Amino acid sequence: GRLGDAFFPMSASIDALGDIVAMMRAAASEAGRDPDAIEVYTGAMERPGDALYGAVERLVELGVSQAVLPAYSPDKLAAIGQDLVSRFG
């Protein structure tokens, strides 16, 4: 939070992510930066379907702006992307 314009705690579990993001935002504030201006990226490694949708909902609540998905075939990845956009915008 003191130096970067983005934060990417890839290996953090969703349960731990809230505390980690809070620490980053506190460090940004202490450094005189706007903590909300720092984008948060992370992974969403759940399988497509309800588990992924639930994970994305939790990530949105934590302020995550981008999530990286596992590698899938182009067709499957396009279908997942379309489904996520229709659900979450």
C-alpha atoms as a PDB file:
ATOM      1  CA  GLY A   1       0.000   0.000   0.000  1.00  0.00           C
ATOM      2  CA  ARG A   2       2.938   2.375   0.452  1.00  0.00           C
ATOM      3  CA  LEU A   3       4.316   2.202  -3.092  1.00  0.00           C
ATOM      4  CA  GLY A   4       2.280   0.269  -5.650  1.00  0.00           C
ATOM      5  CA  ASP A   5      -0.774   1.137  -7.680  1.00  0.00           C
ATOM      6  CA  ALA A   6      -2.071  -2.446  -7.507  1.00  0.00           C
ATOM      7  CA  PHE A   7      -1.958  -5.309  -5.022  1.00  0.00           C
ATOM      8  CA  PHE A   8      -1.933  -8.970  -6.093  1.00  0.00           C
ATOM      9  CA  PRO A   9      -1.960 -11.441  -3.172  1.00  0.00           C
ATOM     10  CA  MET A  10      -2.387 -14.438  -5.494  1.00  0.00           C
ATOM     11  CA  SER A  11      -1.799 -17.200  -2.971  1.00  0.00           C
ATOM     12  CA  ALA A  12      -4.096 -15.876  -0.246  1.00  0.00           C
ATOM     13  CA  SER A  13      -7.280 -17.774   0.482  1.00  0.00           C
ATOM     14  CA  ILE A  14     -10.504 -15.805   0.232  1.00  0.00           C
ATOM     15  CA  ASP A  15     -10.891 -16.173   4.009  1.00  0.00           C
ATOM     16  CA  ALA A  16      -7.460 -14.565   4.595  1.00  0.00           C
ATOM     17  CA  LEU A  17      -7.815 -11.993   1.839  1.00  0.00           C
ATOM     18  CA  GLY A  18      -9.977  -9.591   3.852  1.00  0.00           C
ATOM     19  CA  ASP A  19      -7.296  -9.207   6.537  1.00  0.00           C
ATOM     20  CA  ILE A  20      -4.514  -8.899   3.959  1.00  0.00           C
ATOM     21  CA  VAL A  21      -6.351  -6.215   1.987  1.00  0.00           C
ATOM     22  CA  ALA A  22      -7.100  -4.347   5.232  1.00  0.00           C
ATOM     23  CA  MET A  23      -3.364  -4.353   6.074  1.00  0.00           C
ATOM     24  CA  MET A  24      -2.510  -3.051   2.601  1.00  0.00           C
ATOM     25  CA  ARG A  25      -5.119  -0.288   2.861  1.00  0.00           C
ATOM     26  CA  ALA A  26      -3.852   0.700   6.335  1.00  0.00           C
ATOM     27  CA  ALA A  27      -0.280   0.894   5.004  1.00  0.00           C
ATOM     28  CA  ALA A  28      -1.495   3.092   2.146  1.00  0.00           C
ATOM     29  CA  SER A  29      -3.277   5.428   4.564  1.00  0.00           C
ATOM     30  CA  GLU A  30      -0.220   5.628   6.808  1.00  0.00           C
ATOM     31  CA  ALA A  31       1.837   6.589   3.749  1.00  0.00           C
ATOM     32  CA  GLY A  32      -0.621   9.371   2.919  1.00  0.00           C
ATOM     33  CA  ARG A  33      -2.107   7.546  -0.062  1.00  0.00           C
ATOM     34  CA  ASP A  34      -5.742   6.942  -0.980  1.00  0.00           C
ATOM     35  CA  PRO A  35      -6.226   3.240  -0.154  1.00  0.00           C
ATOM     36  CA  ASP A  36      -9.259   2.990  -2.442  1.00  0.00           C
ATOM     37  CA  ALA A  37      -7.145   4.083  -5.421  1.00  0.00           C
ATOM     38  CA  ILE A  38      -5.101   0.845  -5.214  1.00  0.00           C
ATOM     39  CA  GLU A  39      -6.610  -1.895  -7.339  1.00  0.00           C
ATOM     40  CA  VAL A  40      -6.748  -5.396  -5.864  1.00  0.00           C
ATOM     41  CA  TYR A  41      -6.223  -8.444  -8.094  1.00  0.00           C
ATOM     42  CA  THR A  42      -6.286 -12.068  -7.018  1.00  0.00           C
ATOM     43  CA  GLY A  43      -6.993 -15.569  -8.270  1.00  0.00           C
ATOM     44  CA  ALA A  44     -10.362 -17.305  -8.482  1.00  0.00           C
ATOM     45  CA  MET A  45      -9.361 -20.937  -8.790  1.00  0.00           C
ATOM     46  CA  GLU A  46     -12.738 -22.539  -8.162  1.00  0.00           C
ATOM     47  CA  ARG A  47     -14.336 -24.675 -10.836  1.00  0.00           C
ATOM     48  CA  PRO A  48     -16.907 -22.992 -13.078  1.00  0.00           C
ATOM     49  CA  GLY A  49     -20.410 -23.006 -11.642  1.00  0.00           C
ATOM     50  CA  ASP A  50     -21.762 -22.209  -8.208  1.00  0.00           C
ATOM     51  CA  ALA A  51     -18.370 -22.423  -6.459  1.00  0.00           C
ATOM     52  CA  LEU A  52     -16.873 -19.848  -8.827  1.00  0.00           C
ATOM     53  CA  TYR A  53     -19.915 -17.560  -8.611  1.00  0.00           C
ATOM     54  CA  GLY A  54     -19.780 -17.660  -4.813  1.00  0.00           C
ATOM     55  CA  ALA A  55     -16.065 -16.900  -4.839  1.00  0.00           C
ATOM     56  CA  VAL A  56     -16.539 -13.959  -7.203  1.00  0.00           C
ATOM     57  CA  GLU A  57     -19.308 -12.559  -4.995  1.00  0.00           C
ATOM     58  CA  ARG A  58     -16.997 -12.719  -1.974  1.00  0.00           C
ATOM     59  CA  LEU A  59     -14.133 -11.147  -3.921  1.00  0.00           C
ATOM     60  CA  VAL A  60     -16.357  -8.254  -5.014  1.00  0.00           C
ATOM     61  CA  GLU A  61     -17.356  -7.691  -1.375  1.00  0.00           C
ATOM     62  CA  LEU A  62     -13.647  -7.501  -0.469  1.00  0.00           C
ATOM     63  CA  GLY A  63     -12.986  -4.868  -3.120  1.00  0.00           C
ATOM     64  CA  VAL A  64     -11.213  -7.071  -5.653  1.00  0.00           C
ATOM     65  CA  SER A  65     -11.304  -5.435  -9.077  1.00  0.00           C
ATOM     66  CA  GLN A  66      -9.855  -8.284 -11.166  1.00  0.00           C
ATOM     67  CA  ALA A  67      -9.626 -12.040 -10.696  1.00  0.00           C
ATOM     68  CA  VAL A  68      -7.397 -14.447 -12.619  1.00  0.00           C
ATOM     69  CA  LEU A  69      -9.000 -17.734 -13.670  1.00  0.00           C
ATOM     70  CA  PRO A  70      -7.249 -21.051 -14.286  1.00  0.00           C
ATOM     71  CA  ALA A  71      -6.348 -21.969 -17.857  1.00  0.00           C
ATOM     72  CA  TYR A  72      -9.182 -23.515 -19.876  1.00  0.00           C
ATOM     73  CA  SER A  73      -9.677 -24.141 -23.567  1.00  0.00           C
ATOM     74  CA  PRO A  74     -10.570 -20.937 -25.463  1.00  0.00           C
ATOM     75  CA  ASP A  75     -14.174 -22.070 -26.001  1.00  0.00           C
ATOM     76  CA  LYS A  76     -14.707 -22.964 -22.361  1.00  0.00           C
ATOM     77  CA  LEU A  77     -13.008 -19.785 -21.155  1.00  0.00           C
ATOM     78  CA  ALA A  78     -15.218 -17.678 -23.463  1.00  0.00           C
ATOM     79  CA  ALA A  79     -18.345 -19.361 -22.079  1.00  0.00           C
ATOM     80  CA  ILE A  80     -17.184 -18.819 -18.481  1.00  0.00           C
ATOM     81  CA  GLY A  81     -16.442 -15.176 -19.265  1.00  0.00           C
ATOM     82  CA  GLN A  82     -19.848 -14.614 -20.833  1.00  0.00           C
ATOM     83  CA  ASP A  83     -21.559 -16.233 -17.853  1.00  0.00           C
ATOM     84  CA  LEU A  84     -19.592 -14.121 -15.356  1.00  0.00           C
ATOM     85  CA  VAL A  85     -20.340 -10.912 -17.252  1.00  0.00           C
ATOM     86  CA  SER A  86     -24.057 -11.734 -17.387  1.00  0.00           C
ATOM     87  CA  ARG A  87     -24.063 -12.340 -13.616  1.00  0.00           C
ATOM     88  CA  PHE A  88     -21.732  -9.605 -12.391  1.00  0.00           C
ATOM     89  CA  GLY A  89     -21.544  -7.030 -15.164  1.00  0.00           C
END
